[in-house]
PDB file of all heavy atoms in Angstrom:
ATOM      1  N   PRO A   1     -14.007  12.541  -2.910  1.00  0.00           N
ATOM      2  CA  PRO A   1     -15.104  12.397  -1.955  1.00  0.00           C
ATOM      3  C   PRO A   1     -16.112  11.352  -2.426  1.00  0.00           C
ATOM      4  O   PRO A   1     -16.431  11.268  -3.617  1.00  0.00           O
ATOM      5  CB  PRO A   1     -15.731  13.804  -1.934  1.00  0.00           C
ATOM      6  CG  PRO A   1     -14.615  14.715  -2.317  1.00  0.00           C
ATOM      7  CD  PRO A   1     -13.800  13.948  -3.322  1.00  0.00           C
ATOM      8  N   GLU A   2     -16.579  10.534  -1.493  1.00  0.00           N
ATOM      9  CA  GLU A   2     -17.584   9.494  -1.725  1.00  0.00           C
ATOM     10  C   GLU A   2     -17.057   8.279  -2.475  1.00  0.00           C
ATOM     11  O   GLU A   2     -17.813   7.404  -2.865  1.00  0.00           O
ATOM     12  CB  GLU A   2     -18.820  10.064  -2.435  1.00  0.00           C
ATOM     13  CG  GLU A   2     -19.487  11.189  -1.659  1.00  0.00           C
ATOM     14  CD  GLU A   2     -20.689  11.778  -2.367  1.00  0.00           C
ATOM     15  OE1 GLU A   2     -21.331  11.049  -3.154  1.00  0.00           O
ATOM     16  OE2 GLU A   2     -20.987  12.968  -2.134  1.00  0.00           O
ATOM     17  N   ASP A   3     -15.742   8.202  -2.675  1.00  0.00           N
ATOM     18  CA  ASP A   3     -15.161   6.990  -3.240  1.00  0.00           C
ATOM     19  C   ASP A   3     -15.271   5.837  -2.256  1.00  0.00           C
ATOM     20  O   ASP A   3     -15.320   6.038  -1.038  1.00  0.00           O
ATOM     21  CB  ASP A   3     -13.680   7.207  -3.574  1.00  0.00           C
ATOM     22  CG  ASP A   3     -13.457   7.779  -4.963  1.00  0.00           C
ATOM     23  OD1 ASP A   3     -14.423   7.826  -5.748  1.00  0.00           O
ATOM     24  OD2 ASP A   3     -12.319   8.178  -5.258  1.00  0.00           O
ATOM     25  N   PHE A   4     -15.299   4.636  -2.786  1.00  0.00           N
ATOM     26  CA  PHE A   4     -15.189   3.409  -1.994  1.00  0.00           C
ATOM     27  C   PHE A   4     -14.040   2.641  -2.640  1.00  0.00           C
ATOM     28  O   PHE A   4     -14.212   1.988  -3.663  1.00  0.00           O
ATOM     29  CB  PHE A   4     -16.498   2.626  -2.043  1.00  0.00           C
ATOM     30  CG  PHE A   4     -16.541   1.385  -1.170  1.00  0.00           C
ATOM     31  CD1 PHE A   4     -17.748   0.746  -0.931  1.00  0.00           C
ATOM     32  CD2 PHE A   4     -15.402   0.864  -0.578  1.00  0.00           C
ATOM     33  CE1 PHE A   4     -17.819  -0.384  -0.135  1.00  0.00           C
ATOM     34  CE2 PHE A   4     -15.444  -0.265   0.219  1.00  0.00           C
ATOM     35  CZ  PHE A   4     -16.660  -0.898   0.436  1.00  0.00           C
ATOM     36  N   ILE A   5     -12.854   2.741  -2.042  1.00  0.00           N
ATOM     37  CA  ILE A   5     -11.621   2.210  -2.620  1.00  0.00           C
ATOM     38  C   ILE A   5     -11.211   0.927  -1.921  1.00  0.00           C
ATOM     39  O   ILE A   5     -11.098   0.880  -0.685  1.00  0.00           O
ATOM     40  CB  ILE A   5     -10.467   3.223  -2.488  1.00  0.00           C
ATOM     41  CG1 ILE A   5     -10.844   4.575  -3.098  1.00  0.00           C
ATOM     42  CG2 ILE A   5      -9.186   2.671  -3.115  1.00  0.00           C
ATOM     43  CD1 ILE A   5     -10.947   4.586  -4.577  1.00  0.00           C
ATOM     44  N   ALA A   6     -10.961  -0.120  -2.700  1.00  0.00           N
ATOM     45  CA  ALA A   6     -10.380  -1.340  -2.158  1.00  0.00           C
ATOM     46  C   ALA A   6      -8.897  -1.359  -2.513  1.00  0.00           C
ATOM     47  O   ALA A   6      -8.542  -1.254  -3.695  1.00  0.00           O
ATOM     48  CB  ALA A   6     -11.073  -2.567  -2.728  1.00  0.00           C
ATOM     49  N   ILE A   7      -8.047  -1.452  -1.504  1.00  0.00           N
ATOM     50  CA  ILE A   7      -6.609  -1.574  -1.726  1.00  0.00           C
ATOM     51  C   ILE A   7      -6.266  -3.053  -1.653  1.00  0.00           C
ATOM     52  O   ILE A   7      -6.475  -3.700  -0.626  1.00  0.00           O
ATOM     53  CB  ILE A   7      -5.814  -0.770  -0.683  1.00  0.00           C
ATOM     54  CG1 ILE A   7      -6.189   0.707  -0.757  1.00  0.00           C
ATOM     55  CG2 ILE A   7      -4.316  -0.942  -0.905  1.00  0.00           C
ATOM     56  CD1 ILE A   7      -5.553   1.558   0.324  1.00  0.00           C
ATOM     57  N   THR A   8      -5.774  -3.586  -2.751  1.00  0.00           N
ATOM     58  CA  THR A   8      -5.515  -5.021  -2.824  1.00  0.00           C
ATOM     59  C   THR A   8      -4.042  -5.282  -3.135  1.00  0.00           C
ATOM     60  O   THR A   8      -3.299  -4.376  -3.502  1.00  0.00           O
ATOM     61  CB  THR A   8      -6.381  -5.680  -3.903  1.00  0.00           C
ATOM     62  OG1 THR A   8      -5.998  -5.178  -5.192  1.00  0.00           O
ATOM     63  CG2 THR A   8      -7.852  -5.381  -3.671  1.00  0.00           C
ATOM     64  N   GLY A   9      -3.670  -6.543  -3.011  1.00  0.00           N
ATOM     65  CA  GLY A   9      -2.302  -6.940  -3.294  1.00  0.00           C
ATOM     66  C   GLY A   9      -1.870  -8.032  -2.348  1.00  0.00           C
ATOM     67  O   GLY A   9      -2.498  -8.250  -1.302  1.00  0.00           O
ATOM     68  N   PRO A  10      -0.805  -8.732  -2.671  1.00  0.00           N
ATOM     69  CA  PRO A  10      -0.336  -9.833  -1.823  1.00  0.00           C
ATOM     70  C   PRO A  10       0.192  -9.335  -0.486  1.00  0.00           C
ATOM     71  O   PRO A  10       0.474  -8.135  -0.314  1.00  0.00           O
ATOM     72  CB  PRO A  10       0.777 -10.468  -2.657  1.00  0.00           C
ATOM     73  CG  PRO A  10       1.258  -9.361  -3.549  1.00  0.00           C
ATOM     74  CD  PRO A  10       0.040  -8.546  -3.867  1.00  0.00           C
ATOM     75  N   SER A  11       0.330 -10.244   0.461  1.00  0.00           N
ATOM     76  CA  SER A  11       0.898  -9.894   1.766  1.00  0.00           C
ATOM     77  C   SER A  11       2.297  -9.319   1.567  1.00  0.00           C
ATOM     78  O   SER A  11       3.087  -9.828   0.774  1.00  0.00           O
ATOM     79  CB  SER A  11       0.974 -11.132   2.664  1.00  0.00           C
ATOM     80  OG  SER A  11      -0.320 -11.627   2.923  1.00  0.00           O
ATOM     81  N   GLY A  12       2.577  -8.233   2.282  1.00  0.00           N
ATOM     82  CA  GLY A  12       3.882  -7.594   2.173  1.00  0.00           C
ATOM     83  C   GLY A  12       3.976  -6.547   1.087  1.00  0.00           C
ATOM     84  O   GLY A  12       5.035  -5.927   0.900  1.00  0.00           O
ATOM     85  N   SER A  13       2.869  -6.316   0.369  1.00  0.00           N
ATOM     86  CA  SER A  13       2.905  -5.332  -0.723  1.00  0.00           C
ATOM     87  C   SER A  13       2.743  -3.906  -0.230  1.00  0.00           C
ATOM     88  O   SER A  13       2.926  -2.961  -1.001  1.00  0.00           O
ATOM     89  CB  SER A  13       1.830  -5.654  -1.770  1.00  0.00           C
ATOM     90  OG  SER A  13       0.540  -5.638  -1.191  1.00  0.00           O
ATOM     91  N   GLY A  14       2.359  -3.743   1.046  1.00  0.00           N
ATOM     92  CA  GLY A  14       2.310  -2.393   1.614  1.00  0.00           C
ATOM     93  C   GLY A  14       0.925  -1.830   1.829  1.00  0.00           C
ATOM     94  O   GLY A  14       0.766  -0.612   1.980  1.00  0.00           O
ATOM     95  N   LYS A  15      -0.086  -2.691   1.895  1.00  0.00           N
ATOM     96  CA  LYS A  15      -1.468  -2.199   2.078  1.00  0.00           C
ATOM     97  C   LYS A  15      -1.628  -1.501   3.435  1.00  0.00           C
ATOM     98  O   LYS A  15      -2.122  -0.378   3.505  1.00  0.00           O
ATOM     99  CB  LYS A  15      -2.461  -3.363   1.970  1.00  0.00           C
ATOM    100  CG  LYS A  15      -2.475  -4.047   0.612  1.00  0.00           C
ATOM    101  CD  LYS A  15      -3.579  -5.079   0.495  1.00  0.00           C
ATOM    102  CE  LYS A  15      -3.419  -6.226   1.478  1.00  0.00           C
ATOM    103  NZ  LYS A  15      -2.169  -6.988   1.260  1.00  0.00           N
ATOM    104  N   SER A  16      -1.238  -2.192   4.509  1.00  0.00           N
ATOM    105  CA  SER A  16      -1.393  -1.613   5.849  1.00  0.00           C
ATOM    106  C   SER A  16      -0.523  -0.380   6.024  1.00  0.00           C
ATOM    107  O   SER A  16      -0.932   0.596   6.657  1.00  0.00           O
ATOM    108  CB  SER A  16      -1.047  -2.655   6.922  1.00  0.00           C
ATOM    109  OG  SER A  16      -1.961  -3.734   6.895  1.00  0.00           O
ATOM    110  N   THR A  17       0.656  -0.409   5.448  1.00  0.00           N
ATOM    111  CA  THR A  17       1.552   0.751   5.532  1.00  0.00           C
ATOM    112  C   THR A  17       0.928   1.962   4.871  1.00  0.00           C
ATOM    113  O   THR A  17       0.990   3.081   5.397  1.00  0.00           O
ATOM    114  CB  THR A  17       2.907   0.439   4.870  1.00  0.00           C
ATOM    115  OG1 THR A  17       3.544  -0.631   5.577  1.00  0.00           O
ATOM    116  CG2 THR A  17       3.819   1.662   4.889  1.00  0.00           C
ATOM    117  N   LEU A  18       0.291   1.760   3.712  1.00  0.00           N
ATOM    118  CA  LEU A  18      -0.355   2.877   3.024  1.00  0.00           C
ATOM    119  C   LEU A  18      -1.478   3.465   3.875  1.00  0.00           C
ATOM    120  O   LEU A  18      -1.620   4.696   3.971  1.00  0.00           O
ATOM    121  CB  LEU A  18      -0.898   2.419   1.671  1.00  0.00           C
ATOM    122  CG  LEU A  18      -1.613   3.483   0.842  1.00  0.00           C
ATOM    123  CD1 LEU A  18      -0.709   4.688   0.586  1.00  0.00           C
ATOM    124  CD2 LEU A  18      -2.104   2.897  -0.482  1.00  0.00           C
ATOM    125  N   LEU A  19      -2.257   2.605   4.513  1.00  0.00           N
ATOM    126  CA  LEU A  19      -3.324   3.107   5.377  1.00  0.00           C
ATOM    127  C   LEU A  19      -2.743   3.915   6.544  1.00  0.00           C
ATOM    128  O   LEU A  19      -3.299   4.943   6.929  1.00  0.00           O
ATOM    129  CB  LEU A  19      -4.169   1.950   5.914  1.00  0.00           C
ATOM    130  CG  LEU A  19      -4.980   1.155   4.898  1.00  0.00           C
ATOM    131  CD1 LEU A  19      -5.919   0.193   5.614  1.00  0.00           C
ATOM    132  CD2 LEU A  19      -5.778   2.058   3.977  1.00  0.00           C
ATOM    133  N   ASP A  20      -1.642   3.433   7.108  1.00  0.00           N
ATOM    134  CA  ASP A  20      -0.997   4.163   8.206  1.00  0.00           C
ATOM    135  C   ASP A  20      -0.489   5.524   7.741  1.00  0.00           C
ATOM    136  O   ASP A  20      -0.551   6.516   8.481  1.00  0.00           O
ATOM    137  CB  ASP A  20       0.165   3.352   8.782  1.00  0.00           C
ATOM    138  CG  ASP A  20      -0.289   2.175   9.631  1.00  0.00           C
ATOM    139  OD1 ASP A  20      -1.481   2.141  10.005  1.00  0.00           O
ATOM    140  OD2 ASP A  20       0.537   1.296   9.920  1.00  0.00           O
ATOM    141  N   LEU A  21       0.017   5.588   6.519  1.00  0.00           N
ATOM    142  CA  LEU A  21       0.506   6.862   5.973  1.00  0.00           C
ATOM    143  C   LEU A  21      -0.650   7.839   5.762  1.00  0.00           C
ATOM    144  O   LEU A  21      -0.548   9.012   6.119  1.00  0.00           O
ATOM    145  CB  LEU A  21       1.238   6.619   4.649  1.00  0.00           C
ATOM    146  CG  LEU A  21       2.566   5.864   4.738  1.00  0.00           C
ATOM    147  CD1 LEU A  21       3.065   5.503   3.341  1.00  0.00           C
ATOM    148  CD2 LEU A  21       3.611   6.690   5.480  1.00  0.00           C
ATOM    149  N   ILE A  22      -1.745   7.343   5.215  1.00  0.00           N
ATOM    150  CA  ILE A  22      -2.912   8.204   4.986  1.00  0.00           C
ATOM    151  C   ILE A  22      -3.515   8.657   6.312  1.00  0.00           C
ATOM    152  O   ILE A  22      -3.985   9.792   6.442  1.00  0.00           O
ATOM    153  CB  ILE A  22      -3.974   7.458   4.148  1.00  0.00           C
ATOM    154  CG1 ILE A  22      -3.435   7.153   2.748  1.00  0.00           C
ATOM    155  CG2 ILE A  22      -5.262   8.285   4.045  1.00  0.00           C
ATOM    156  CD1 ILE A  22      -4.356   6.277   1.914  1.00  0.00           C
ATOM    157  N   SER A  23      -3.469   7.769   7.316  1.00  0.00           N
ATOM    158  CA  SER A  23      -4.028   8.086   8.637  1.00  0.00           C
ATOM    159  C   SER A  23      -3.101   8.965   9.462  1.00  0.00           C
ATOM    160  O   SER A  23      -3.460   9.389  10.561  1.00  0.00           O
ATOM    161  CB  SER A  23      -4.302   6.791   9.417  1.00  0.00           C
ATOM    162  OG  SER A  23      -5.119   5.914   8.705  1.00  0.00           O
ATOM    163  N   ASN A  24      -1.894   9.211   8.946  1.00  0.00           N
ATOM    164  CA  ASN A  24      -0.870   9.975   9.667  1.00  0.00           C
ATOM    165  C   ASN A  24      -0.392   9.244  10.919  1.00  0.00           C
ATOM    166  O   ASN A  24       0.038   9.867  11.886  1.00  0.00           O
ATOM    167  CB  ASN A  24      -1.379  11.373  10.029  1.00  0.00           C
ATOM    168  CG  ASN A  24      -0.232  12.343  10.317  1.00  0.00           C
ATOM    169  OD1 ASN A  24       0.896  12.122   9.864  1.00  0.00           O
ATOM    170  ND2 ASN A  24      -0.514  13.409  11.059  1.00  0.00           N
ATOM    171  N   LEU A  25      -0.467   7.925  10.886  1.00  0.00           N
ATOM    172  CA  LEU A  25       0.084   7.113  11.971  1.00  0.00           C
ATOM    173  C   LEU A  25       1.535   6.752  11.694  1.00  0.00           C
ATOM    174  O   LEU A  25       2.233   6.212  12.564  1.00  0.00           O
ATOM    175  CB  LEU A  25      -0.741   5.829  12.145  1.00  0.00           C
ATOM    176  CG  LEU A  25      -2.208   6.034  12.514  1.00  0.00           C
ATOM    177  CD1 LEU A  25      -2.927   4.696  12.580  1.00  0.00           C
ATOM    178  CD2 LEU A  25      -2.329   6.778  13.843  1.00  0.00           C
ATOM    179  N   SER A  26       1.974   7.042  10.478  1.00  0.00           N
ATOM    180  CA  SER A  26       3.353   6.814  10.067  1.00  0.00           C
ATOM    181  C   SER A  26       3.721   7.898   9.065  1.00  0.00           C
ATOM    182  O   SER A  26       2.844   8.487   8.423  1.00  0.00           O
ATOM    183  CB  SER A  26       3.491   5.421   9.438  1.00  0.00           C
ATOM    184  OG  SER A  26       4.824   5.185   9.020  1.00  0.00           O
ATOM    185  N   SER A  27       5.016   8.160   8.948  1.00  0.00           N
ATOM    186  CA  SER A  27       5.475   9.213   8.037  1.00  0.00           C
ATOM    187  C   SER A  27       6.225   8.599   6.859  1.00  0.00           C
ATOM    188  O   SER A  27       6.982   7.641   7.027  1.00  0.00           O
ATOM    189  CB  SER A  27       6.404  10.191   8.769  1.00  0.00           C
ATOM    190  OG  SER A  27       5.724  10.821   9.833  1.00  0.00           O
ATOM    191  N   PRO A  28       6.030   9.146   5.661  1.00  0.00           N
ATOM    192  CA  PRO A  28       6.739   8.605   4.490  1.00  0.00           C
ATOM    193  C   PRO A  28       8.216   8.971   4.512  1.00  0.00           C
ATOM    194  O   PRO A  28       8.609   9.979   5.124  1.00  0.00           O
ATOM    195  CB  PRO A  28       6.024   9.268   3.320  1.00  0.00           C
ATOM    196  CG  PRO A  28       5.519  10.567   3.871  1.00  0.00           C
ATOM    197  CD  PRO A  28       5.143  10.262   5.301  1.00  0.00           C
ATOM    198  N   THR A  29       9.007   8.166   3.848  1.00  0.00           N
ATOM    199  CA  THR A  29      10.422   8.491   3.685  1.00  0.00           C
ATOM    200  C   THR A  29      10.573   9.658   2.722  1.00  0.00           C
ATOM    201  O   THR A  29      11.415  10.537   2.906  1.00  0.00           O
ATOM    202  CB  THR A  29      11.191   7.264   3.152  1.00  0.00           C
ATOM    203  OG1 THR A  29      10.980   6.162   4.039  1.00  0.00           O
ATOM    204  CG2 THR A  29      12.676   7.562   3.068  1.00  0.00           C
ATOM    205  N   SER A  30       9.718   9.674   1.696  1.00  0.00           N
ATOM    206  CA  SER A  30       9.705  10.783   0.741  1.00  0.00           C
ATOM    207  C   SER A  30       8.338  10.828   0.068  1.00  0.00           C
ATOM    208  O   SER A  30       7.539   9.901   0.179  1.00  0.00           O
ATOM    209  CB  SER A  30      10.814  10.621  -0.305  1.00  0.00           C
ATOM    210  OG  SER A  30      10.631   9.429  -1.047  1.00  0.00           O
ATOM    211  N   GLY A  31       8.082  11.922  -0.619  1.00  0.00           N
ATOM    212  CA  GLY A  31       6.783  12.104  -1.267  1.00  0.00           C
ATOM    213  C   GLY A  31       5.824  12.877  -0.388  1.00  0.00           C
ATOM    214  O   GLY A  31       6.146  13.247   0.751  1.00  0.00           O
ATOM    215  N   THR A  32       4.647  13.126  -0.908  1.00  0.00           N
ATOM    216  CA  THR A  32       3.669  13.950  -0.196  1.00  0.00           C
ATOM    217  C   THR A  32       2.294  13.289  -0.164  1.00  0.00           C
ATOM    218  O   THR A  32       1.933  12.528  -1.056  1.00  0.00           O
ATOM    219  CB  THR A  32       3.510  15.329  -0.866  1.00  0.00           C
ATOM    220  OG1 THR A  32       3.074  15.151  -2.226  1.00  0.00           O
ATOM    221  CG2 THR A  32       4.809  16.101  -0.847  1.00  0.00           C
ATOM    222  N   ILE A  33       1.567  13.608   0.907  1.00  0.00           N
ATOM    223  CA  ILE A  33       0.167  13.217   1.028  1.00  0.00           C
ATOM    224  C   ILE A  33      -0.629  14.482   1.322  1.00  0.00           C
ATOM    225  O   ILE A  33      -0.272  15.251   2.223  1.00  0.00           O
ATOM    226  CB  ILE A  33      -0.047  12.209   2.171  1.00  0.00           C
ATOM    227  CG1 ILE A  33       0.773  10.947   1.937  1.00  0.00           C
ATOM    228  CG2 ILE A  33      -1.533  11.857   2.306  1.00  0.00           C
ATOM    229  CD1 ILE A  33       0.669   9.953   3.084  1.00  0.00           C
ATOM    230  N   GLU A  34      -1.685  14.700   0.560  1.00  0.00           N
ATOM    231  CA  GLU A  34      -2.583  15.826   0.807  1.00  0.00           C
ATOM    232  C   GLU A  34      -3.940  15.303   1.251  1.00  0.00           C
ATOM    233  O   GLU A  34      -4.458  14.340   0.687  1.00  0.00           O
ATOM    234  CB  GLU A  34      -2.776  16.667  -0.465  1.00  0.00           C
ATOM    235  CG  GLU A  34      -1.560  17.431  -0.912  1.00  0.00           C
ATOM    236  CD  GLU A  34      -1.849  18.281  -2.144  1.00  0.00           C
ATOM    237  OE1 GLU A  34      -3.035  18.348  -2.545  1.00  0.00           O
ATOM    238  OE2 GLU A  34      -0.902  18.855  -2.702  1.00  0.00           O
ATOM    239  N   ILE A  35      -4.500  15.927   2.273  1.00  0.00           N
ATOM    240  CA  ILE A  35      -5.863  15.637   2.709  1.00  0.00           C
ATOM    241  C   ILE A  35      -6.607  16.961   2.823  1.00  0.00           C
ATOM    242  O   ILE A  35      -6.112  17.905   3.440  1.00  0.00           O
ATOM    243  CB  ILE A  35      -5.879  14.902   4.058  1.00  0.00           C
ATOM    244  CG1 ILE A  35      -5.193  13.539   3.929  1.00  0.00           C
ATOM    245  CG2 ILE A  35      -7.308  14.718   4.556  1.00  0.00           C
ATOM    246  CD1 ILE A  35      -5.272  12.680   5.175  1.00  0.00           C
ATOM    247  N   PHE A  36      -7.759  17.041   2.206  1.00  0.00           N
ATOM    248  CA  PHE A  36      -8.551  18.273   2.174  1.00  0.00           C
ATOM    249  C   PHE A  36      -7.731  19.443   1.639  1.00  0.00           C
ATOM    250  O   PHE A  36      -7.845  20.575   2.113  1.00  0.00           O
ATOM    251  CB  PHE A  36      -9.092  18.605   3.562  1.00  0.00           C
ATOM    252  CG  PHE A  36      -9.959  17.522   4.160  1.00  0.00           C
ATOM    253  CD1 PHE A  36      -9.671  16.981   5.406  1.00  0.00           C
ATOM    254  CD2 PHE A  36     -11.050  17.021   3.474  1.00  0.00           C
ATOM    255  CE1 PHE A  36     -10.456  15.989   5.956  1.00  0.00           C
ATOM    256  CE2 PHE A  36     -11.848  16.022   4.014  1.00  0.00           C
ATOM    257  CZ  PHE A  36     -11.553  15.498   5.257  1.00  0.00           C
ATOM    258  N   GLY A  37      -6.869  19.148   0.653  1.00  0.00           N
ATOM    259  CA  GLY A  37      -6.125  20.192  -0.022  1.00  0.00           C
ATOM    260  C   GLY A  37      -4.885  20.688   0.690  1.00  0.00           C
ATOM    261  O   GLY A  37      -4.235  21.623   0.218  1.00  0.00           O
ATOM    262  N   LYS A  38      -4.533  20.070   1.807  1.00  0.00           N
ATOM    263  CA  LYS A  38      -3.355  20.504   2.556  1.00  0.00           C
ATOM    264  C   LYS A  38      -2.421  19.315   2.789  1.00  0.00           C
ATOM    265  O   LYS A  38      -2.879  18.210   3.078  1.00  0.00           O
ATOM    266  CB  LYS A  38      -3.758  21.116   3.899  1.00  0.00           C
ATOM    267  CG  LYS A  38      -4.606  22.371   3.751  1.00  0.00           C
ATOM    268  CD  LYS A  38      -5.033  22.917   5.104  1.00  0.00           C
ATOM    269  CE  LYS A  38      -5.899  24.168   4.938  1.00  0.00           C
ATOM    270  NZ  LYS A  38      -6.375  24.697   6.247  1.00  0.00           N
ATOM    271  N   GLU A  39      -1.119  19.569   2.649  1.00  0.00           N
ATOM    272  CA  GLU A  39      -0.155  18.501   2.866  1.00  0.00           C
ATOM    273  C   GLU A  39      -0.161  18.073   4.333  1.00  0.00           C
ATOM    274  O   GLU A  39      -0.449  18.878   5.234  1.00  0.00           O
ATOM    275  CB  GLU A  39       1.245  18.953   2.453  1.00  0.00           C
ATOM    276  CG  GLU A  39       1.414  19.070   0.954  1.00  0.00           C
ATOM    277  CD  GLU A  39       2.866  19.239   0.546  1.00  0.00           C
ATOM    278  OE1 GLU A  39       3.766  19.046   1.404  1.00  0.00           O
ATOM    279  OE2 GLU A  39       3.108  19.572  -0.625  1.00  0.00           O
ATOM    280  N   MET A  40       0.191  16.806   4.544  1.00  0.00           N
ATOM    281  CA  MET A  40       0.175  16.269   5.899  1.00  0.00           C
ATOM    282  C   MET A  40       1.096  17.056   6.838  1.00  0.00           C
ATOM    283  O   MET A  40       0.831  17.156   8.037  1.00  0.00           O
ATOM    284  CB  MET A  40       0.594  14.798   5.874  1.00  0.00           C
ATOM    285  CG  MET A  40       0.224  14.042   7.138  1.00  0.00           C
ATOM    286  SD  MET A  40      -1.569  13.889   7.357  1.00  0.00           S
ATOM    287  CE  MET A  40      -1.935  12.584   6.179  1.00  0.00           C
ATOM    288  N   SER A  41       2.172  17.618   6.293  1.00  0.00           N
ATOM    289  CA  SER A  41       3.096  18.396   7.113  1.00  0.00           C
ATOM    290  C   SER A  41       2.401  19.584   7.764  1.00  0.00           C
ATOM    291  O   SER A  41       2.768  20.015   8.862  1.00  0.00           O
ATOM    292  CB  SER A  41       4.281  18.879   6.270  1.00  0.00           C
ATOM    293  OG  SER A  41       3.828  19.649   5.167  1.00  0.00           O
TER     294      SER A  41
END
């Protein structure tokens, strides 16, 4: 909470994809994302 995170890297490194995964606009092939202590599922 209260972090200010900059996601950096060259084009094609997956910055926008990561934001989509965190926003639940896209689903990961594998692995988990938790928000507020609960998995996205």
